Amino acid sequence: MKWRHWSILIVLILLNYVIFSTAFTLLAEKQPPSLVGSVRTPKPTFTRIETGPIAWRVLPTCTPCPTRTPIPPTPTMGLTPTLESTVPVDLTPPYTLTVTVETPLPATTAVPTPGNSTIHTVQRGETLSEIARRYGVSVENLMAVNSLSDPNHLAAGQTLIIPVASTAMPTATFTATARPQPTRTSTPRPKPPKPTATPTPARSRFQFTGEVIWDPLVAPNCSGPGISKQSIIRDIHGNPINGARVEVNCYGNVWLSHPSGNPGEYEPGRYDFAFGQLAPQDWTCTARVFDVNGQPVASSEVVTIHFDTNDCRPGGIGHQVAIVNWTRHW
């Protein structure tokens, strides 16, 4: 085969390759998406919210001061002064006072006769002062009668002449009894009448207290839940309060109303609130006064509002639109 024939064959093969590759590419582009495989978008899931009362935690008015733990007093170690008295005193009625007086005999140099003296034998450990006290004589008298030069030098078994205590004065005991004081009787004076105290009104523990009113004449009562424009915020004297906002909490969703008494929109002290729901809802929400003219309130009562879908038409037992009035006490 000649070279020309081989070149024609190679050209034909290349043309067939180009034609078949182009055909397969076009066929793949025209293939339906079901054969390729589509991505499915999952449907959204919804979680049902159970109705129930919402408990609101009222913020404290101020930070309480810490209480200091009392420290018990520690007893001081020291000397305790004592009062010693040689005179026994009885402090119980009838207050008897006993005084003992010992009068020593004057020293005498007279030597008694054997008829008016006593012989004493000194025992071990006795002293001359003890012997003199026992017989009611003076130490000087004993030393003079027995010719003793040292009163501290006595020997056991030594005999001493004890003169008869005729010249010694006996121990005298005086008992003084306190006289009872006369009892004074006084005529009782009439007590002056007690002054009549003006009752002071008890201060409410909340700065704002609320009241929920369901009026069957409020229409449309079968619309979405809300607070009627008839609601008012005032003080204890009935004066309307402007610039107050009410906070509403429904299952963790918190909203604020427009300020009360906004010129051109509300009458003095009036406000309302709409939840943005057109159909009746079975909800339980809470409400409280949030602030007044931008200043947070000290404390507010939290009222519960139950929106009932059970026959919410005017005159029915259900209700959707509430009147929530507030009173500021201080």
Protein backbone atom coordinates (compact mmCIF):
# COMPACT_ATOMS: atom_id res chain seq x y z
CA MET A 1 0.00 0.00 0.00
CA LYS A 2 1.29 3.33 -0.89
CA TRP A 3 1.89 6.22 1.43
CA ARG A 4 -1.07 8.12 0.05
CA HIS A 5 -3.45 5.36 1.05
CA TRP A 6 -2.11 5.34 4.60
CA SER A 7 -2.60 9.08 4.97
CA ILE A 8 -6.23 8.84 3.82
CA LEU A 9 -6.91 6.06 6.37
CA ILE A 10 -5.43 8.07 9.24
CA VAL A 11 -7.57 11.12 8.36
CA LEU A 12 -10.73 8.99 8.34
CA ILE A 13 -9.93 7.55 11.77
CA LEU A 14 -9.43 11.03 13.22
CA LEU A 15 -12.71 12.24 11.75
CA ASN A 16 -14.60 9.29 13.28
CA TYR A 17 -13.08 10.02 16.72
CA VAL A 18 -14.13 13.67 16.61
CA ILE A 19 -17.67 12.83 15.46
CA PHE A 20 -18.28 10.16 18.13
CA SER A 21 -16.87 12.28 21.01
CA THR A 22 -19.05 15.22 20.04
CA ALA A 23 -22.12 13.01 19.87
CA PHE A 24 -21.55 11.52 23.34
CA THR A 25 -21.04 15.00 24.82
CA LEU A 26 -24.34 16.27 23.42
CA LEU A 27 -26.13 13.17 24.63
CA ALA A 28 -24.85 13.65 28.19
CA GLU A 29 -25.99 17.29 28.27
CA LYS A 30 -29.54 16.34 27.20
CA GLN A 31 -29.89 13.63 29.92
CA PRO A 32 -32.84 14.32 32.34
CA PRO A 33 -31.98 15.46 35.91
CA SER A 34 -33.66 12.43 37.47
CA LEU A 35 -30.92 10.26 36.07
CA VAL A 36 -28.18 12.49 37.45
CA GLY A 37 -29.65 12.70 41.00
CA SER A 38 -31.33 15.75 42.58
CA VAL A 39 -30.81 17.31 46.04
CA ARG A 40 -34.02 17.25 48.14
CA THR A 41 -34.77 20.15 50.48
CA PRO A 42 -36.03 18.85 53.88
CA LYS A 43 -39.33 20.22 55.12
CA PRO A 44 -39.14 22.53 58.17
CA THR A 45 -40.22 21.08 61.49
CA PHE A 46 -42.17 23.02 64.11
CA THR A 47 -42.12 22.60 67.88
CA ARG A 48 -45.42 23.01 69.68
CA ILE A 49 -45.38 25.51 72.56
CA GLU A 50 -47.51 24.55 75.52
CA THR A 51 -49.50 27.31 77.17
CA GLY A 52 -48.90 28.09 80.81
CA PRO A 53 -48.34 30.93 83.28
CA ILE A 54 -45.10 32.84 83.05
CA ALA A 55 -43.44 33.82 86.32
CA TRP A 56 -41.79 37.25 86.23
CA ARG A 57 -38.90 38.05 88.51
CA VAL A 58 -39.11 41.60 89.84
CA LEU A 59 -35.74 43.32 89.94
CA PRO A 60 -34.68 44.59 93.39
CA THR A 61 -34.84 48.30 94.07
CA CYS A 62 -31.30 48.46 95.44
CA THR A 63 -28.39 46.23 96.33
CA PRO A 64 -28.83 45.06 99.93
CA CYS A 65 -26.02 45.97 102.26
CA PRO A 66 -24.06 42.96 103.60
CA THR A 67 -24.88 42.02 107.15
CA ARG A 68 -21.96 41.79 109.54
CA THR A 69 -21.73 38.69 111.72
CA PRO A 70 -21.66 39.76 115.39
CA ILE A 71 -18.45 38.82 117.20
CA PRO A 72 -19.00 37.60 120.77
CA PRO A 73 -16.99 39.52 123.37
CA THR A 74 -13.80 37.84 124.51
CA PRO A 75 -13.28 37.78 128.28
CA THR A 76 -10.22 39.79 129.32
CA MET A 77 -7.74 37.86 131.38
CA GLY A 78 -6.59 39.88 134.34
CA LEU A 79 -6.62 40.23 138.07
CA THR A 80 -10.02 40.23 139.69
CA PRO A 81 -10.10 42.56 142.70
CA THR A 82 -11.35 40.92 145.84
CA LEU A 83 -12.63 42.65 148.95
CA GLU A 84 -11.73 41.01 152.18
CA SER A 85 -13.48 42.04 155.33
CA THR A 86 -12.97 40.82 158.83
CA VAL A 87 -16.53 41.83 159.74
CA PRO A 88 -19.13 39.26 158.67
CA VAL A 89 -22.10 40.97 157.06
CA ASP A 90 -25.37 39.22 156.31
CA LEU A 91 -26.99 40.83 153.26
CA THR A 92 -30.24 38.89 153.46
CA PRO A 93 -33.25 40.38 155.27
CA PRO A 94 -33.63 41.37 158.08
CA TYR A 95 -30.04 42.60 157.50
CA THR A 96 -28.34 41.38 160.71
CA LEU A 97 -24.82 42.76 161.31
CA THR A 98 -22.56 40.85 163.71
CA VAL A 99 -19.40 42.58 165.03
CA THR A 100 -16.82 40.82 167.20
CA VAL A 101 -14.50 43.02 169.29
CA GLU A 102 -11.44 41.67 171.06
CA THR A 103 -9.92 44.00 173.69
CA PRO A 104 -6.50 42.98 175.08
CA LEU A 105 -5.83 43.38 178.78
CA PRO A 106 -3.33 46.01 179.85
CA ALA A 107 0.06 44.70 180.82
CA THR A 108 0.52 44.13 184.54
CA THR A 109 3.48 43.13 186.60
CA ALA A 110 1.51 41.71 189.49
CA VAL A 111 2.41 38.12 190.22
CA PRO A 112 -0.77 36.18 190.92
CA THR A 113 -1.08 34.01 193.90
CA PRO A 114 -1.33 30.28 193.52
CA GLY A 115 -5.04 30.50 194.26
CA ASN A 116 -5.82 32.57 191.17
CA SER A 117 -3.47 30.98 188.52
CA THR A 118 -3.42 28.00 186.14
CA ILE A 119 -0.51 25.79 185.08
CA HIS A 120 -0.22 25.10 181.33
CA THR A 121 2.17 22.61 179.73
CA VAL A 122 3.52 23.75 176.36
CA GLN A 123 2.78 21.33 173.54
CA ARG A 124 4.86 20.89 170.38
CA GLY A 125 4.18 23.71 167.87
CA GLU A 126 2.43 26.05 170.31
CA THR A 127 3.35 29.71 170.48
CA LEU A 128 3.06 32.18 173.30
CA SER A 129 0.53 34.27 171.41
CA GLU A 130 -1.73 31.24 170.88
CA ILE A 131 -1.60 30.34 174.57
CA ALA A 132 -2.33 33.94 175.60
CA ARG A 133 -5.28 34.10 173.20
CA ARG A 134 -6.63 30.79 174.48
CA TYR A 135 -6.70 31.93 178.12
CA GLY A 136 -7.66 35.51 177.41
CA VAL A 137 -4.48 37.15 178.70
CA SER A 138 -1.84 39.29 177.04
CA VAL A 139 1.54 38.05 175.89
CA GLU A 140 3.27 40.69 178.00
CA ASN A 141 1.44 39.47 181.10
CA LEU A 142 2.52 35.86 180.44
CA MET A 143 6.13 36.94 179.93
CA ALA A 144 6.09 38.96 183.17
CA VAL A 145 4.54 36.16 185.25
CA ASN A 146 6.85 33.48 183.86
CA SER A 147 9.99 35.71 183.64
CA LEU A 148 10.38 35.11 179.90
CA SER A 149 12.75 37.29 177.92
CA ASP A 150 12.01 35.92 174.42
CA PRO A 151 8.37 35.24 173.45
CA ASN A 152 9.49 33.01 170.56
CA HIS A 153 11.60 30.69 172.71
CA LEU A 154 9.32 27.95 174.07
CA ALA A 155 10.13 24.31 174.58
CA ALA A 156 7.74 21.40 174.44
CA GLY A 157 6.89 20.22 177.97
CA GLN A 158 7.66 23.59 179.52
CA THR A 159 5.16 24.71 182.18
CA LEU A 160 3.71 28.17 182.21
CA ILE A 161 1.79 29.93 184.92
CA ILE A 162 -1.41 31.31 183.48
CA PRO A 163 -3.02 33.98 185.64
CA VAL A 164 -6.76 33.80 186.07
CA ALA A 165 -8.39 36.05 183.49
CA SER A 166 -10.12 38.13 186.13
CA THR A 167 -8.61 41.26 184.76
CA ALA A 168 -9.24 40.30 181.12
CA MET A 169 -12.34 41.58 179.39
CA PRO A 170 -14.48 38.92 177.78
CA THR A 171 -15.09 38.93 174.08
CA ALA A 172 -18.13 41.03 173.37
CA THR A 173 -20.47 40.30 170.48
CA PHE A 174 -22.80 43.02 169.24
CA THR A 175 -25.67 42.26 166.92
CA ALA A 176 -27.09 45.17 164.99
CA THR A 177 -30.39 44.68 163.26
CA ALA A 178 -31.42 47.09 160.56
CA ARG A 179 -34.72 48.78 161.16
CA PRO A 180 -37.32 48.14 158.52
CA GLN A 181 -38.17 51.21 156.52
CA PRO A 182 -41.79 52.30 156.70
CA THR A 183 -43.76 51.69 153.55
CA ARG A 184 -45.06 54.83 152.00
CA THR A 185 -48.49 54.64 150.56
CA SER A 186 -49.24 57.12 147.81
CA THR A 187 -52.57 57.90 146.32
CA PRO A 188 -52.59 56.74 142.69
CA ARG A 189 -52.97 59.58 140.26
CA PRO A 190 -55.40 59.20 137.40
CA LYS A 191 -53.64 58.38 134.15
CA PRO A 192 -54.07 60.90 131.36
CA PRO A 193 -56.05 59.62 128.40
CA LYS A 194 -53.95 58.17 125.61
CA PRO A 195 -53.76 60.37 122.52
CA THR A 196 -55.65 59.08 119.56
CA ALA A 197 -53.18 58.21 116.82
CA THR A 198 -54.09 59.10 113.28
CA PRO A 199 -53.95 55.90 111.22
CA THR A 200 -51.20 56.00 108.63
CA PRO A 201 -51.96 54.21 105.38
CA ALA A 202 -49.76 51.16 104.90
CA ARG A 203 -47.20 51.58 102.16
CA SER A 204 -47.50 49.09 99.35
CA ARG A 205 -44.47 46.91 98.79
CA PHE A 206 -44.79 47.59 95.04
CA GLN A 207 -44.37 51.01 93.49
CA PHE A 208 -46.89 49.97 90.81
CA THR A 209 -49.78 47.53 91.21
CA GLY A 210 -51.89 46.25 88.32
CA GLU A 211 -55.48 45.15 87.73
CA VAL A 212 -56.78 43.04 84.81
CA ILE A 213 -60.38 43.73 83.72
CA TRP A 214 -62.30 41.71 81.12
CA ASP A 215 -65.07 43.92 79.73
CA PRO A 216 -67.53 42.04 77.45
CA LEU A 217 -68.31 45.30 75.64
CA VAL A 218 -64.75 45.71 74.43
CA ALA A 219 -64.83 44.89 70.69
CA PRO A 220 -63.67 43.31 68.55
CA ASN A 221 -63.21 40.69 71.25
CA CYS A 222 -62.61 37.83 68.82
CA SER A 223 -59.65 39.47 67.13
CA GLY A 224 -56.03 38.89 68.05
CA PRO A 225 -55.01 39.21 71.73
CA GLY A 226 -54.11 42.66 73.00
CA ILE A 227 -54.48 45.33 75.68
CA SER A 228 -57.28 47.82 75.10
CA LYS A 229 -56.78 51.57 74.68
CA GLN A 230 -59.06 52.04 77.68
CA SER A 231 -56.19 50.97 79.96
CA ILE A 232 -54.78 53.78 82.12
CA ILE A 233 -51.77 54.41 84.39
CA ARG A 234 -52.32 56.84 87.31
CA ASP A 235 -51.23 57.62 90.88
CA ILE A 236 -53.16 56.96 94.10
CA HIS A 237 -54.92 60.34 93.74
CA GLY A 238 -56.24 59.45 90.30
CA ASN A 239 -53.89 61.73 88.33
CA PRO A 240 -52.79 60.22 85.00
CA ILE A 241 -49.11 59.39 84.51
CA ASN A 242 -47.60 60.03 81.10
CA GLY A 243 -44.44 58.55 79.63
CA ALA A 244 -44.82 55.11 81.27
CA ARG A 245 -44.12 51.94 79.29
CA VAL A 246 -45.52 48.47 80.02
CA GLU A 247 -43.46 45.33 79.38
CA VAL A 248 -45.30 42.21 78.16
CA ASN A 249 -43.76 38.72 78.25
CA CYS A 250 -45.29 35.80 76.33
CA TYR A 251 -43.32 32.55 76.58
CA GLY A 252 -39.97 34.34 76.60
CA ASN A 253 -40.92 36.89 73.94
CA VAL A 254 -40.65 40.36 75.50
CA TRP A 255 -42.18 43.58 74.06
CA LEU A 256 -42.62 47.15 75.27
CA SER A 257 -45.70 49.29 74.72
CA HIS A 258 -45.72 52.89 73.52
CA PRO A 259 -45.37 55.51 76.30
CA SER A 260 -48.64 56.37 77.99
CA GLY A 261 -50.31 59.68 77.11
CA ASN A 262 -48.29 60.21 73.94
CA PRO A 263 -49.64 63.52 72.46
CA GLY A 264 -51.74 63.04 69.34
CA GLU A 265 -52.07 59.28 69.91
CA TYR A 266 -53.31 58.64 73.45
CA GLU A 267 -55.23 60.51 76.11
CA PRO A 268 -53.36 61.37 79.35
CA GLY A 269 -52.31 58.19 81.13
CA ARG A 270 -53.79 55.89 78.44
CA TYR A 271 -51.89 53.19 76.54
CA ASP A 272 -52.52 50.02 74.54
CA PHE A 273 -50.64 47.02 73.22
CA ALA A 274 -51.13 44.73 70.20
CA PHE A 275 -49.36 41.42 69.72
CA GLY A 276 -49.54 41.47 65.90
CA GLN A 277 -51.87 38.44 65.80
CA LEU A 278 -55.13 38.80 63.87
CA ALA A 279 -56.65 35.45 64.89
CA PRO A 280 -57.65 34.60 68.51
CA GLN A 281 -54.90 32.91 70.49
CA ASP A 282 -54.98 30.81 73.66
CA TRP A 283 -52.04 32.51 75.39
CA THR A 284 -50.97 33.27 78.94
CA CYS A 285 -48.76 36.33 79.20
CA THR A 286 -47.48 38.57 81.97
CA ALA A 287 -47.17 42.36 82.18
CA ARG A 288 -45.50 44.92 84.42
CA VAL A 289 -44.61 48.63 84.35
CA PHE A 290 -41.10 48.89 82.93
CA ASP A 291 -40.09 52.56 83.17
CA VAL A 292 -41.42 56.12 83.39
CA ASN A 293 -39.86 58.77 81.15
CA GLY A 294 -36.85 56.51 80.62
CA GLN A 295 -36.24 55.94 84.35
CA PRO A 296 -36.68 52.31 85.56
CA VAL A 297 -39.34 51.84 88.22
CA ALA A 298 -38.35 50.69 91.70
CA SER A 299 -40.70 47.69 91.66
CA SER A 300 -43.83 46.61 89.84
CA GLU A 301 -46.39 43.92 90.43
CA VAL A 302 -46.51 41.28 87.68
CA VAL A 303 -50.04 40.51 86.50
CA THR A 304 -51.05 37.44 84.50
CA ILE A 305 -53.22 37.85 81.39
CA HIS A 306 -54.89 34.68 80.02
CA PHE A 307 -56.27 35.14 76.53
CA ASP A 308 -59.07 32.55 76.15
CA THR A 309 -60.39 31.40 72.75
CA ASN A 310 -63.45 29.67 74.25
CA ASP A 311 -66.35 31.70 72.74
CA CYS A 312 -64.55 35.03 72.69
CA ARG A 313 -67.48 36.91 71.13
CA PRO A 314 -68.97 39.82 73.10
CA GLY A 315 -71.02 38.31 75.88
CA GLY A 316 -69.22 34.96 75.65
CA ILE A 317 -67.13 33.29 78.37
CA GLY A 318 -63.91 33.69 76.42
CA HIS A 319 -61.91 36.90 76.08
CA GLN A 320 -59.11 38.27 73.95
CA VAL A 321 -58.81 42.02 74.58
CA ALA A 322 -58.00 42.98 78.21
CA ILE A 323 -58.04 46.25 80.13
CA VAL A 324 -54.92 46.45 82.35
CA ASN A 325 -54.87 49.45 84.70
CA TRP A 326 -51.88 50.44 86.89
CA THR A 327 -51.65 52.50 90.10
CA ARG A 328 -48.45 54.13 91.42
CA HIS A 329 -48.34 54.17 95.22
CA TRP A 330 -45.08 56.03 95.94
